[in-house]
PDB file of N, CA and C in Angstrom:
ATOM      1  N   UNK A   1       0.815  -1.201   0.000  1.00  0.00           N
ATOM      2  CA  UNK A   1       0.000   0.000   0.000  1.00  0.00           C
ATOM      3  C   UNK A   1       0.858   1.264   0.000  1.00  0.00           C
ATOM      4  N   UNK A   2       2.024   1.201   0.655  1.00  0.00           N
ATOM      5  CA  UNK A   2       2.896   2.376   0.692  1.00  0.00           C
ATOM      6  C   UNK A   2       3.472   2.708  -0.680  1.00  0.00           C
ATOM      7  N   UNK A   3       3.490   1.729  -1.563  1.00  0.00           N
ATOM      8  CA  UNK A   3       4.047   1.964  -2.890  1.00  0.00           C
ATOM      9  C   UNK A   3       3.132   2.812  -3.758  1.00  0.00           C
ATOM     10  N   UNK A   4       1.858   2.864  -3.457  1.00  0.00           N
ATOM     11  CA  UNK A   4       0.908   3.592  -4.296  1.00  0.00           C
ATOM     12  C   UNK A   4       0.840   5.082  -3.920  1.00  0.00           C
ATOM     13  N   UNK A   5       1.231   5.444  -2.708  1.00  0.00           N
ATOM     14  CA  UNK A   5       1.096   6.834  -2.269  1.00  0.00           C
ATOM     15  C   UNK A   5       1.944   7.816  -3.077  1.00  0.00           C
ATOM     16  N   UNK A   6       3.184   7.517  -3.459  1.00  0.00           N
ATOM     17  CA  UNK A   6       3.911   8.479  -4.307  1.00  0.00           C
ATOM     18  C   UNK A   6       3.208   8.740  -5.638  1.00  0.00           C
ATOM     19  N   UNK A   7       2.617   7.700  -6.221  1.00  0.00           N
ATOM     20  CA  UNK A   7       1.891   7.884  -7.471  1.00  0.00           C
ATOM     21  C   UNK A   7       0.629   8.711  -7.262  1.00  0.00           C
ATOM     22  N   UNK A   8      -0.050   8.475  -6.174  1.00  0.00           N
ATOM     23  CA  UNK A   8      -1.253   9.229  -5.856  1.00  0.00           C
ATOM     24  C   UNK A   8      -0.920  10.700  -5.619  1.00  0.00           C
ATOM     25  N   UNK A   9       0.155  10.968  -4.882  1.00  0.00           N
ATOM     26  CA  UNK A   9       0.565  12.358  -4.634  1.00  0.00           C
ATOM     27  C   UNK A   9       0.970  13.049  -5.935  1.00  0.00           C
ATOM     28  N   UNK A  10       1.695  12.339  -6.815  1.00  0.00           N
ATOM     29  CA  UNK A  10       2.083  12.918  -8.103  1.00  0.00           C
ATOM     30  C   UNK A  10       0.850  13.225  -8.947  1.00  0.00           C
ATOM     31  N   UNK A  11      -0.111  12.301  -8.932  1.00  0.00           N
ATOM     32  CA  UNK A  11      -1.350  12.510  -9.682  1.00  0.00           C
ATOM     33  C   UNK A  11      -2.107  13.722  -9.153  1.00  0.00           C
ATOM     34  N   UNK A  12      -2.213  13.827  -7.835  1.00  0.00           N
ATOM     35  CA  UNK A  12      -2.946  14.946  -7.241  1.00  0.00           C
ATOM     36  C   UNK A  12      -2.253  16.275  -7.502  1.00  0.00           C
ATOM     37  N   UNK A  13      -0.932  16.300  -7.376  1.00  0.00           N
ATOM     38  CA  UNK A  13      -0.180  17.536  -7.587  1.00  0.00           C
ATOM     39  C   UNK A  13      -0.251  17.975  -9.047  1.00  0.00           C
ATOM     40  N   UNK A  14       0.065  17.070  -9.959  1.00  0.00           N
ATOM     41  CA  UNK A  14      -0.004  17.399 -11.386  1.00  0.00           C
ATOM     42  C   UNK A  14      -1.421  17.716 -11.821  1.00  0.00           C
ATOM     43  N   UNK A  15      -2.391  16.977 -11.289  1.00  0.00           N
ATOM     44  CA  UNK A  15      -3.787  17.238 -11.613  1.00  0.00           C
ATOM     45  C   UNK A  15      -4.247  18.604 -11.133  1.00  0.00           C
ATOM     46  N   UNK A  16      -3.783  18.997  -9.951  1.00  0.00           N
ATOM     47  CA  UNK A  16      -4.147  20.322  -9.433  1.00  0.00           C
ATOM     48  C   UNK A  16      -3.566  21.426 -10.309  1.00  0.00           C
ATOM     49  N   UNK A  17      -2.331  21.258 -10.756  1.00  0.00           N
ATOM     50  CA  UNK A  17      -1.722  22.262 -11.634  1.00  0.00           C
ATOM     51  C   UNK A  17      -2.477  22.333 -12.972  1.00  0.00           C
ATOM     52  N   UNK A  18      -2.859  21.185 -13.495  1.00  0.00           N
ATOM     53  CA  UNK A  18      -3.638  21.162 -14.745  1.00  0.00           C
ATOM     54  C   UNK A  18      -5.026  21.765 -14.542  1.00  0.00           C
ATOM     55  N   UNK A  19      -5.639  21.483 -13.399  1.00  0.00           N
ATOM     56  CA  UNK A  19      -6.955  22.040 -13.091  1.00  0.00           C
ATOM     57  C   UNK A  19      -6.899  23.559 -13.042  1.00  0.00           C
ATOM     58  N   UNK A  20      -5.869  24.094 -12.406  1.00  0.00           N
ATOM     59  CA  UNK A  20      -5.716  25.554 -12.339  1.00  0.00           C
ATOM     60  C   UNK A  20      -5.587  26.126 -13.749  1.00  0.00           C
ATOM     61  N   UNK A  21      -4.781  25.480 -14.590  1.00  0.00           N
ATOM     62  CA  UNK A  21      -4.624  25.944 -15.969  1.00  0.00           C
ATOM     63  C   UNK A  21      -5.925  25.890 -16.743  1.00  0.00           C
ATOM     64  N   UNK A  22      -6.687  24.827 -16.566  1.00  0.00           N
ATOM     65  CA  UNK A  22      -7.962  24.701 -17.278  1.00  0.00           C
ATOM     66  C   UNK A  22      -8.964  25.743 -16.813  1.00  0.00           C
ATOM     67  N   UNK A  23      -8.996  26.011 -15.526  1.00  0.00           N
ATOM     68  CA  UNK A  23      -9.891  27.049 -15.012  1.00  0.00           C
ATOM     69  C   UNK A  23      -9.489  28.412 -15.573  1.00  0.00           C
ATOM     70  N   UNK A  24      -8.188  28.674 -15.649  1.00  0.00           N
ATOM     71  CA  UNK A  24      -7.731  29.945 -16.222  1.00  0.00           C
ATOM     72  C   UNK A  24      -8.128  30.059 -17.691  1.00  0.00           C
ATOM     73  N   UNK A  25      -8.049  28.960 -18.433  1.00  0.00           N
ATOM     74  CA  UNK A  25      -8.451  28.986 -19.837  1.00  0.00           C
ATOM     75  C   UNK A  25      -9.955  29.232 -19.970  1.00  0.00           C
ATOM     76  N   UNK A  26     -10.736  28.533 -19.139  1.00  0.00           N
ATOM     77  CA  UNK A  26     -12.196  28.609 -19.260  1.00  0.00           C
ATOM     78  C   UNK A  26     -12.790  29.898 -18.705  1.00  0.00           C
ATOM     79  N   UNK A  27     -12.240  30.433 -17.630  1.00  0.00           N
ATOM     80  CA  UNK A  27     -12.893  31.524 -16.908  1.00  0.00           C
ATOM     81  C   UNK A  27     -12.246  32.891 -17.103  1.00  0.00           C
ATOM     82  N   UNK A  28     -11.113  32.966 -17.792  1.00  0.00           N
ATOM     83  CA  UNK A  28     -10.464  34.259 -18.005  1.00  0.00           C
ATOM     84  C   UNK A  28     -10.275  34.483 -19.499  1.00  0.00           C
ATOM     85  N   UNK A  29      -9.816  35.656 -19.845  1.00  0.00           N
ATOM     86  CA  UNK A  29      -9.522  35.963 -21.244  1.00  0.00           C
ATOM     87  C   UNK A  29      -8.052  35.742 -21.567  1.00  0.00           C
ATOM     88  N   UNK A  30      -7.306  35.134 -20.648  1.00  0.00           N
ATOM     89  CA  UNK A  30      -5.891  34.872 -20.897  1.00  0.00           C
ATOM     90  C   UNK A  30      -5.735  33.842 -22.014  1.00  0.00           C
ATOM     91  N   UNK A  31      -4.754  34.067 -22.859  1.00  0.00           N
ATOM     92  CA  UNK A  31      -4.472  33.097 -23.914  1.00  0.00           C
ATOM     93  C   UNK A  31      -3.663  31.938 -23.321  1.00  0.00           C
ATOM     94  N   UNK A  32      -3.715  30.768 -23.950  1.00  0.00           N
ATOM     95  CA  UNK A  32      -2.914  29.648 -23.451  1.00  0.00           C
ATOM     96  C   UNK A  32      -1.427  29.975 -23.361  1.00  0.00           C
ATOM     97  N   UNK A  33      -0.911  30.762 -24.303  1.00  0.00           N
ATOM     98  CA  UNK A  33       0.511  31.128 -24.250  1.00  0.00           C
ATOM     99  C   UNK A  33       0.826  31.934 -22.994  1.00  0.00           C
ATOM    100  N   UNK A  34      -0.044  32.856 -22.637  1.00  0.00           N
ATOM    101  CA  UNK A  34       0.197  33.659 -21.423  1.00  0.00           C
ATOM    102  C   UNK A  34       0.087  32.806 -20.169  1.00  0.00           C
ATOM    103  N   UNK A  35      -0.792  31.844 -20.183  1.00  0.00           N
ATOM    104  CA  UNK A  35      -0.921  30.947 -19.033  1.00  0.00           C
ATOM    105  C   UNK A  35       0.337  30.100 -18.887  1.00  0.00           C
ATOM    106  N   UNK A  36       0.858  29.595 -19.998  1.00  0.00           N
ATOM    107  CA  UNK A  36       2.077  28.792 -19.944  1.00  0.00           C
ATOM    108  C   UNK A  36       3.259  29.610 -19.436  1.00  0.00           C
ATOM    109  N   UNK A  37       3.386  30.840 -19.914  1.00  0.00           N
ATOM    110  CA  UNK A  37       4.459  31.713 -19.428  1.00  0.00           C
ATOM    111  C   UNK A  37       4.259  32.007 -17.944  1.00  0.00           C
ATOM    112  N   UNK A  38       3.026  32.206 -17.541  1.00  0.00           N
ATOM    113  CA  UNK A  38       2.740  32.450 -16.121  1.00  0.00           C
ATOM    114  C   UNK A  38       3.126  31.254 -15.266  1.00  0.00           C
ATOM    115  N   UNK A  39       2.938  30.049 -15.773  1.00  0.00           N
ATOM    116  CA  UNK A  39       3.337  28.848 -15.036  1.00  0.00           C
ATOM    117  C   UNK A  39       4.853  28.806 -14.840  1.00  0.00           C
ATOM    118  N   UNK A  40       5.607  29.136 -15.885  1.00  0.00           N
ATOM    119  CA  UNK A  40       7.070  29.146 -15.752  1.00  0.00           C
ATOM    120  C   UNK A  40       7.491  30.211 -14.744  1.00  0.00           C
ATOM    121  N   UNK A  41       6.914  31.393 -14.845  1.00  0.00           N
ATOM    122  CA  UNK A  41       7.254  32.475 -13.912  1.00  0.00           C
ATOM    123  C   UNK A  41       6.855  32.097 -12.486  1.00  0.00           C
ATOM    124  N   UNK A  42       5.704  31.461 -12.318  1.00  0.00           N
ATOM    125  CA  UNK A  42       5.278  31.024 -10.985  1.00  0.00           C
ATOM    126  C   UNK A  42       6.278  30.016 -10.406  1.00  0.00           C
ATOM    127  N   UNK A  43       6.780  29.113 -11.239  1.00  0.00           N
ATOM    128  CA  UNK A  43       7.783  28.161 -10.769  1.00  0.00           C
ATOM    129  C   UNK A  43       9.063  28.842 -10.332  1.00  0.00           C
ATOM    130  N   UNK A  44       9.479  29.874 -11.073  1.00  0.00           N
ATOM    131  CA  UNK A  44      10.680  30.627 -10.708  1.00  0.00           C
ATOM    132  C   UNK A  44      10.462  31.353  -9.384  1.00  0.00           C
ATOM    133  N   UNK A  45       9.337  32.034  -9.262  1.00  0.00           N
ATOM    134  CA  UNK A  45       9.061  32.809  -8.042  1.00  0.00           C
ATOM    135  C   UNK A  45       8.914  31.887  -6.830  1.00  0.00           C
ATOM    136  N   UNK A  46       8.143  30.813  -6.969  1.00  0.00           N
ATOM    137  CA  UNK A  46       7.964  29.888  -5.847  1.00  0.00           C
ATOM    138  C   UNK A  46       9.270  29.174  -5.497  1.00  0.00           C
ATOM    139  N   UNK A  47      10.090  28.914  -6.505  1.00  0.00           N
ATOM    140  CA  UNK A  47      11.404  28.326  -6.235  1.00  0.00           C
ATOM    141  C   UNK A  47      12.315  29.302  -5.518  1.00  0.00           C
ATOM    142  N   UNK A  48      12.297  30.563  -5.944  1.00  0.00           N
ATOM    143  CA  UNK A  48      13.113  31.584  -5.295  1.00  0.00           C
ATOM    144  C   UNK A  48      12.687  31.850  -3.864  1.00  0.00           C
ATOM    145  N   UNK A  49      11.397  31.707  -3.582  1.00  0.00           N
ATOM    146  CA  UNK A  49      10.894  31.923  -2.224  1.00  0.00           C
ATOM    147  C   UNK A  49      11.068  30.695  -1.330  1.00  0.00           C
ATOM    148  N   UNK A  50      11.478  29.574  -1.924  1.00  0.00           N
ATOM    149  CA  UNK A  50      11.679  28.358  -1.138  1.00  0.00           C
ATOM    150  C   UNK A  50      10.418  27.546  -0.913  1.00  0.00           C
ATOM    151  N   UNK A  51       9.353  27.863  -1.629  1.00  0.00           N
ATOM    152  CA  UNK A  51       8.088  27.143  -1.482  1.00  0.00           C
ATOM    153  C   UNK A  51       8.035  25.920  -2.393  1.00  0.00           C
ATOM    154  N   UNK A  52       8.564  26.040  -3.600  1.00  0.00           N
ATOM    155  CA  UNK A  52       8.443  24.959  -4.572  1.00  0.00           C
ATOM    156  C   UNK A  52       9.187  23.683  -4.163  1.00  0.00           C
ATOM    157  N   UNK A  53      10.319  23.756  -3.462  1.00  0.00           N
ATOM    158  CA  UNK A  53      10.950  22.500  -3.031  1.00  0.00           C
ATOM    159  C   UNK A  53      10.023  21.632  -2.176  1.00  0.00           C
ATOM    160  N   UNK A  54       9.184  22.260  -1.372  1.00  0.00           N
ATOM    161  CA  UNK A  54       8.216  21.485  -0.589  1.00  0.00           C
ATOM    162  C   UNK A  54       7.230  20.778  -1.514  1.00  0.00           C
ATOM    163  N   UNK A  55       6.799  21.481  -2.559  1.00  0.00           N
ATOM    164  CA  UNK A  55       5.867  20.896  -3.515  1.00  0.00           C
ATOM    165  C   UNK A  55       6.516  19.733  -4.272  1.00  0.00           C
ATOM    166  N   UNK A  56       7.794  19.875  -4.608  1.00  0.00           N
ATOM    167  CA  UNK A  56       8.515  18.790  -5.280  1.00  0.00           C
ATOM    168  C   UNK A  56       8.651  17.584  -4.355  1.00  0.00           C
ATOM    169  N   UNK A  57       8.922  17.845  -3.095  1.00  0.00           N
ATOM    170  CA  UNK A  57       9.035  16.753  -2.128  1.00  0.00           C
ATOM    171  C   UNK A  57       7.700  16.021  -1.984  1.00  0.00           C
ATOM    172  N   UNK A  58       6.613  16.763  -1.988  1.00  0.00           N
ATOM    173  CA  UNK A  58       5.291  16.153  -1.847  1.00  0.00           C
ATOM    174  C   UNK A  58       4.854  15.464  -3.136  1.00  0.00           C
ATOM    175  N   UNK A  59       4.914  16.184  -4.262  1.00  0.00           N
ATOM    176  CA  UNK A  59       4.316  15.698  -5.500  1.00  0.00           C
ATOM    177  C   UNK A  59       5.240  14.961  -6.440  1.00  0.00           C
ATOM    178  N   UNK A  60       6.539  14.990  -6.218  1.00  0.00           N
ATOM    179  CA  UNK A  60       7.469  14.292  -7.096  1.00  0.00           C
ATOM    180  C   UNK A  60       7.319  14.735  -8.539  1.00  0.00           C
ATOM    181  N   UNK A  61       7.101  13.775  -9.436  1.00  0.00           N
ATOM    182  CA  UNK A  61       6.982  14.074 -10.859  1.00  0.00           C
ATOM    183  C   UNK A  61       5.766  14.948 -11.161  1.00  0.00           C
ATOM    184  N   UNK A  62       4.763  14.915 -10.313  1.00  0.00           N
ATOM    185  CA  UNK A  62       3.603  15.777 -10.503  1.00  0.00           C
ATOM    186  C   UNK A  62       3.939  17.241 -10.360  1.00  0.00           C
ATOM    187  N   UNK A  63       5.068  17.542  -9.719  1.00  0.00           N
ATOM    188  CA  UNK A  63       5.513  18.929  -9.562  1.00  0.00           C
ATOM    189  C   UNK A  63       6.670  19.275 -10.486  1.00  0.00           C
ATOM    190  N   UNK A  64       7.484  18.292 -10.866  1.00  0.00           N
ATOM    191  CA  UNK A  64       8.653  18.608 -11.679  1.00  0.00           C
ATOM    192  C   UNK A  64       8.399  18.547 -13.178  1.00  0.00           C
ATOM    193  N   UNK A  65       7.407  17.794 -13.608  1.00  0.00           N
ATOM    194  CA  UNK A  65       7.155  17.645 -15.041  1.00  0.00           C
ATOM    195  C   UNK A  65       6.421  18.844 -15.647  1.00  0.00           C
ATOM    196  N   UNK A  66       5.416  19.435 -14.993  1.00  0.00           N
ATOM    197  CA  UNK A  66       4.740  20.591 -15.602  1.00  0.00           C
ATOM    198  C   UNK A  66       5.677  21.791 -15.760  1.00  0.00           C
ATOM    199  N   UNK A  67       5.212  22.816 -16.438  1.00  0.00           N
ATOM    200  CA  UNK A  67       6.034  23.995 -16.696  1.00  0.00           C
ATOM    201  C   UNK A  67       6.462  24.711 -15.433  1.00  0.00           C
ATOM    202  N   UNK A  68       5.706  24.598 -14.371  1.00  0.00           N
ATOM    203  CA  UNK A  68       6.157  25.200 -13.112  1.00  0.00           C
ATOM    204  C   UNK A  68       7.452  24.532 -12.651  1.00  0.00           C
ATOM    205  N   UNK A  69       7.594  23.256 -12.927  1.00  0.00           N
ATOM    206  CA  UNK A  69       8.831  22.544 -12.591  1.00  0.00           C
ATOM    207  C   UNK A  69      10.008  23.058 -13.400  1.00  0.00           C
ATOM    208  N   UNK A  70       9.767  23.448 -14.655  1.00  0.00           N
ATOM    209  CA  UNK A  70      10.827  24.037 -15.472  1.00  0.00           C
ATOM    210  C   UNK A  70      11.268  25.371 -14.882  1.00  0.00           C
ATOM    211  N   UNK A  71      10.309  26.181 -14.459  1.00  0.00           N
ATOM    212  CA  UNK A  71      10.652  27.448 -13.818  1.00  0.00           C
ATOM    213  C   UNK A  71      11.424  27.234 -12.538  1.00  0.00           C
ATOM    214  N   UNK A  72      11.029  26.239 -11.762  1.00  0.00           N
ATOM    215  CA  UNK A  72      11.748  25.907 -10.531  1.00  0.00           C
ATOM    216  C   UNK A  72      13.173  25.474 -10.850  1.00  0.00           C
ATOM    217  N   UNK A  73      13.350  24.674 -11.893  1.00  0.00           N
ATOM    218  CA  UNK A  73      14.681  24.231 -12.295  1.00  0.00           C
ATOM    219  C   UNK A  73      15.545  25.424 -12.684  1.00  0.00           C
ATOM    220  N   UNK A  74      14.977  26.384 -13.391  1.00  0.00           N
ATOM    221  CA  UNK A  74      15.723  27.586 -13.756  1.00  0.00           C
ATOM    222  C   UNK A  74      16.175  28.358 -12.518  1.00  0.00           C
ATOM    223  N   UNK A  75      15.266  28.550 -11.563  1.00  0.00           N
ATOM    224  CA  UNK A  75      15.634  29.318 -10.363  1.00  0.00           C
ATOM    225  C   UNK A  75      16.672  28.584  -9.536  1.00  0.00           C
ATOM    226  N   UNK A  76      16.553  27.267  -9.465  1.00  0.00           N
ATOM    227  CA  UNK A  76      17.528  26.471  -8.720  1.00  0.00           C
ATOM    228  C   UNK A  76      18.908  26.548  -9.381  1.00  0.00           C
ATOM    229  N   UNK A  77      18.929  26.493 -10.705  1.00  0.00           N
ATOM    230  CA  UNK A  77      20.194  26.591 -11.428  1.00  0.00           C
ATOM    231  C   UNK A  77      20.851  27.950 -11.269  1.00  0.00           C
ATOM    232  N   UNK A  78      20.059  28.999 -11.309  1.00  0.00           N
ATOM    233  CA  UNK A  78      20.606  30.345 -11.131  1.00  0.00           C
ATOM    234  C   UNK A  78      21.157  30.511  -9.717  1.00  0.00           C
ATOM    235  N   UNK A  79      20.425  30.034  -8.719  1.00  0.00           N
ATOM    236  CA  UNK A  79      20.897  30.161  -7.333  1.00  0.00           C
ATOM    237  C   UNK A  79      22.217  29.423  -7.136  1.00  0.00           C
ATOM    238  N   UNK A  80      22.326  28.225  -7.703  1.00  0.00           N
ATOM    239  CA  UNK A  80      23.566  27.451  -7.566  1.00  0.00           C
ATOM    240  C   UNK A  80      24.717  28.143  -8.293  1.00  0.00           C
ATOM    241  N   UNK A  81      24.462  28.662  -9.496  1.00  0.00           N
ATOM    242  CA  UNK A  81      25.508  29.312 -10.271  1.00  0.00           C
ATOM    243  C   UNK A  81      25.963  30.617  -9.626  1.00  0.00           C
ATOM    244  N   UNK A  82      25.048  31.345  -9.008  1.00  0.00           N
ATOM    245  CA  UNK A  82      25.429  32.581  -8.323  1.00  0.00           C
ATOM    246  C   UNK A  82      26.335  32.272  -7.139  1.00  0.00           C
ATOM    247  N   UNK A  83      26.046  31.187  -6.421  1.00  0.00           N
ATOM    248  CA  UNK A  83      26.918  30.784  -5.309  1.00  0.00           C
ATOM    249  C   UNK A  83      28.309  30.431  -5.798  1.00  0.00           C
ATOM    250  N   UNK A  84      28.404  29.777  -6.958  1.00  0.00           N
ATOM    251  CA  UNK A  84      29.687  29.312  -7.472  1.00  0.00           C
ATOM    252  C   UNK A  84      30.441  30.378  -8.255  1.00  0.00           C
ATOM    253  N   UNK A  85      29.737  31.169  -9.070  1.00  0.00           N
ATOM    254  CA  UNK A  85      30.394  32.087  -9.999  1.00  0.00           C
ATOM    255  C   UNK A  85      30.142  33.562  -9.723  1.00  0.00           C
ATOM    256  N   UNK A  86      29.288  33.864  -8.796  1.00  0.00           N
ATOM    257  CA  UNK A  86      28.946  35.250  -8.534  1.00  0.00           C
ATOM    258  C   UNK A  86      27.891  35.748  -9.510  1.00  0.00           C
ATOM    259  N   UNK A  87      27.984  37.029  -9.865  1.00  0.00           N
ATOM    260  CA  UNK A  87      26.962  37.654 -10.705  1.00  0.00           C
ATOM    261  C   UNK A  87      26.868  37.037 -12.091  1.00  0.00           C
ATOM    262  N   UNK A  88      27.951  36.459 -12.602  1.00  0.00           N
ATOM    263  CA  UNK A  88      27.903  35.814 -13.910  1.00  0.00           C
ATOM    264  C   UNK A  88      26.916  34.646 -13.912  1.00  0.00           C
ATOM    265  N   UNK A  89      26.711  34.026 -12.762  1.00  0.00           N
ATOM    266  CA  UNK A  89      25.778  32.913 -12.649  1.00  0.00           C
ATOM    267  C   UNK A  89      24.340  33.292 -12.954  1.00  0.00           C
ATOM    268  N   UNK A  90      24.006  34.565 -12.843  1.00  0.00           N
ATOM    269  CA  UNK A  90      22.657  35.023 -13.184  1.00  0.00           C
ATOM    270  C   UNK A  90      22.367  34.744 -14.653  1.00  0.00           C
ATOM    271  N   UNK A  91      23.372  34.920 -15.489  1.00  0.00           N
ATOM    272  CA  UNK A  91      23.195  34.724 -16.925  1.00  0.00           C
ATOM    273  C   UNK A  91      23.345  33.270 -17.360  1.00  0.00           C
ATOM    274  N   UNK A  92      24.157  32.497 -16.654  1.00  0.00           N
ATOM    275  CA  UNK A  92      24.479  31.147 -17.119  1.00  0.00           C
ATOM    276  C   UNK A  92      23.762  30.034 -16.369  1.00  0.00           C
ATOM    277  N   UNK A  93      23.322  30.277 -15.161  1.00  0.00           N
ATOM    278  CA  UNK A  93      22.794  29.213 -14.315  1.00  0.00           C
ATOM    279  C   UNK A  93      21.550  28.525 -14.828  1.00  0.00           C
ATOM    280  N   UNK A  94      20.602  29.291 -15.324  1.00  0.00           N
ATOM    281  CA  UNK A  94      19.353  28.703 -15.785  1.00  0.00           C
ATOM    282  C   UNK A  94      19.546  27.789 -16.978  1.00  0.00           C
ATOM    283  N   UNK A  95      20.345  28.235 -17.942  1.00  0.00           N
ATOM    284  CA  UNK A  95      20.572  27.399 -19.122  1.00  0.00           C
ATOM    285  C   UNK A  95      21.424  26.179 -18.802  1.00  0.00           C
ATOM    286  N   UNK A  96      22.378  26.328 -17.903  1.00  0.00           N
ATOM    287  CA  UNK A  96      23.203  25.185 -17.515  1.00  0.00           C
ATOM    288  C   UNK A  96      22.345  24.124 -16.838  1.00  0.00           C
ATOM    289  N   UNK A  97      21.460  24.538 -15.956  1.00  0.00           N
ATOM    290  CA  UNK A  97      20.620  23.592 -15.223  1.00  0.00           C
ATOM    291  C   UNK A  97      19.618  22.894 -16.130  1.00  0.00           C
ATOM    292  N   UNK A  98      19.141  23.590 -17.137  1.00  0.00           N
ATOM    293  CA  UNK A  98      18.091  23.016 -17.983  1.00  0.00           C
ATOM    294  C   UNK A  98      18.598  22.508 -19.324  1.00  0.00           C
ATOM    295  N   UNK A  99      19.902  22.469 -19.523  1.00  0.00           N
ATOM    296  CA  UNK A  99      20.463  22.095 -20.824  1.00  0.00           C
ATOM    297  C   UNK A  99      20.056  20.689 -21.254  1.00  0.00           C
ATOM    298  N   UNK A 100      20.064  19.730 -20.341  1.00  0.00           N
ATOM    299  CA  UNK A 100      19.729  18.353 -20.706  1.00  0.00           C
ATOM    300  C   UNK A 100      18.271  18.257 -21.164  1.00  0.00           C
ATOM    301  N   UNK A 101      17.359  18.903 -20.463  1.00  0.00           N
ATOM    302  CA  UNK A 101      15.955  18.869 -20.844  1.00  0.00           C
ATOM    303  C   UNK A 101      15.695  19.563 -22.160  1.00  0.00           C
ATOM    304  N   UNK A 102      16.333  20.703 -22.380  1.00  0.00           N
ATOM    305  CA  UNK A 102      16.157  21.428 -23.639  1.00  0.00           C
ATOM    306  C   UNK A 102      16.713  20.609 -24.802  1.00  0.00           C
ATOM    307  N   UNK A 103      17.891  20.004 -24.593  1.00  0.00           N
ATOM    308  CA  UNK A 103      18.493  19.177 -25.638  1.00  0.00           C
ATOM    309  C   UNK A 103      17.616  17.970 -25.965  1.00  0.00           C
ATOM    310  N   UNK A 104      17.076  17.327 -24.937  1.00  0.00           N
ATOM    311  CA  UNK A 104      16.201  16.179 -25.168  1.00  0.00           C
ATOM    312  C   UNK A 104      14.954  16.594 -25.940  1.00  0.00           C
ATOM    313  N   UNK A 105      14.363  17.722 -25.595  1.00  0.00           N
ATOM    314  CA  UNK A 105      13.176  18.195 -26.299  1.00  0.00           C
ATOM    315  C   UNK A 105      13.485  18.474 -27.766  1.00  0.00           C
ATOM    316  N   UNK A 106      14.629  19.085 -28.024  1.00  0.00           N
ATOM    317  CA  UNK A 106      15.010  19.367 -29.409  1.00  0.00           C
ATOM    318  C   UNK A 106      15.272  18.075 -30.186  1.00  0.00           C
ATOM    319  N   UNK A 107      15.969  17.133 -29.556  1.00  0.00           N
ATOM    320  CA  UNK A 107      16.289  15.866 -30.217  1.00  0.00           C
ATOM    321  C   UNK A 107      15.024  15.085 -30.548  1.00  0.00           C
ATOM    322  N   UNK A 108      14.140  14.935 -29.579  1.00  0.00           N
ATOM    323  CA  UNK A 108      12.929  14.160 -29.833  1.00  0.00           C
ATOM    324  C   UNK A 108      11.977  14.883 -30.787  1.00  0.00           C
ATOM    325  N   UNK A 109      11.989  16.215 -30.776  1.00  0.00           N
ATOM    326  CA  UNK A 109      11.215  16.965 -31.760  1.00  0.00           C
ATOM    327  C   UNK A 109      11.744  16.739 -33.163  1.00  0.00           C
ATOM    328  N   UNK A 110      13.068  16.727 -33.314  1.00  0.00           N
ATOM    329  CA  UNK A 110      13.679  16.445 -34.607  1.00  0.00           C
ATOM    330  C   UNK A 110      13.361  15.021 -35.050  1.00  0.00           C
ATOM    331  N   UNK A 111      13.467  14.095 -34.122  1.00  0.00           N
ATOM    332  CA  UNK A 111      13.168  12.694 -34.431  1.00  0.00           C
ATOM    333  C   UNK A 111      11.716  12.528 -34.880  1.00  0.00           C
ATOM    334  N   UNK A 112      10.794  13.179 -34.186  1.00  0.00           N
ATOM    335  CA  UNK A 112       9.375  13.109 -34.577  1.00  0.00           C
ATOM    336  C   UNK A 112       9.157  13.739 -35.948  1.00  0.00           C
ATOM    337  N   UNK A 113       9.876  14.822 -36.223  1.00  0.00           N
ATOM    338  CA  UNK A 113       9.760  15.460 -37.530  1.00  0.00           C
ATOM    339  C   UNK A 113      10.283  14.595 -38.649  1.00  0.00           C
ATOM    340  N   UNK A 114      11.329  13.831 -38.374  1.00  0.00           N
ATOM    341  CA  UNK A 114      11.888  12.943 -39.399  1.00  0.00           C
ATOM    342  C   UNK A 114      11.016  11.726 -39.641  1.00  0.00           C
ATOM    343  N   UNK A 115      10.373  11.223 -38.599  1.00  0.00           N
ATOM    344  CA  UNK A 115       9.558  10.010 -38.705  1.00  0.00           C
ATOM    345  C   UNK A 115       8.197  10.311 -39.313  1.00  0.00           C
ATOM    346  N   UNK A 116       7.603  11.429 -38.945  1.00  0.00           N
ATOM    347  CA  UNK A 116       6.259  11.734 -39.444  1.00  0.00           C
ATOM    348  C   UNK A 116       6.372  12.373 -40.824  1.00  0.00           C
ATOM    349  N   UNK A 117       5.322  12.269 -41.561  1.00  0.00           N
ATOM    350  CA  UNK A 117       5.271  12.846 -42.899  1.00  0.00           C
ATOM    351  C   UNK A 117       4.203  13.923 -42.909  1.00  0.00           C
ATOM    352  N   UNK A 118       4.606  15.145 -42.693  1.00  0.00           N
ATOM    353  CA  UNK A 118       3.639  16.238 -42.639  1.00  0.00           C
ATOM    354  C   UNK A 118       3.170  16.594 -44.037  1.00  0.00           C
ATOM    355  N   UNK A 119       1.955  17.077 -44.103  1.00  0.00           N
ATOM    356  CA  UNK A 119       1.354  17.473 -45.368  1.00  0.00           C
ATOM    357  C   UNK A 119       0.739  18.856 -45.189  1.00  0.00           C
ATOM    358  N   UNK A 120       0.734  19.653 -46.243  1.00  0.00           N
ATOM    359  CA  UNK A 120       0.073  20.956 -46.131  1.00  0.00           C
ATOM    360  C   UNK A 120      -1.425  20.784 -45.910  1.00  0.00           C
ATOM    361  N   UNK A 121      -2.054  21.758 -45.258  1.00  0.00           N
ATOM    362  CA  UNK A 121      -3.469  21.679 -44.941  1.00  0.00           C
ATOM    363  C   UNK A 121      -4.371  21.849 -46.157  1.00  0.00           C
ATOM    364  N   UNK A 122      -3.888  22.493 -47.186  1.00  0.00           N
ATOM    365  CA  UNK A 122      -4.745  22.765 -48.351  1.00  0.00           C
ATOM    366  C   UNK A 122      -4.985  21.568 -49.223  1.00  0.00           C
TER     367      UNK A 122
END
């Protein structure tokens, strides 16, 4: 029974983040792009305030996989780089921390583009 609780917490955490996004889409005039950017910024702010690590501890992948997790990763990388390199870390920390994820996204996007055969809509 203890093995199911991490999955349940991840489901609840990720589901809550998705629910908030869906409510914002349905009940506000915000565009999906602005909501996605807001999620990244929220992850950065909550990570900088020290709140998001608690959410990651509770929700696991339910907190790290959504875009708020990407924002948290950026803030964590910047904080670590500033400790190590000083002010230069402000510019380099976020990209250094997220380089593997960005590279994987680009690689798999390229792979999907090569495998699929897109056609014009007309």
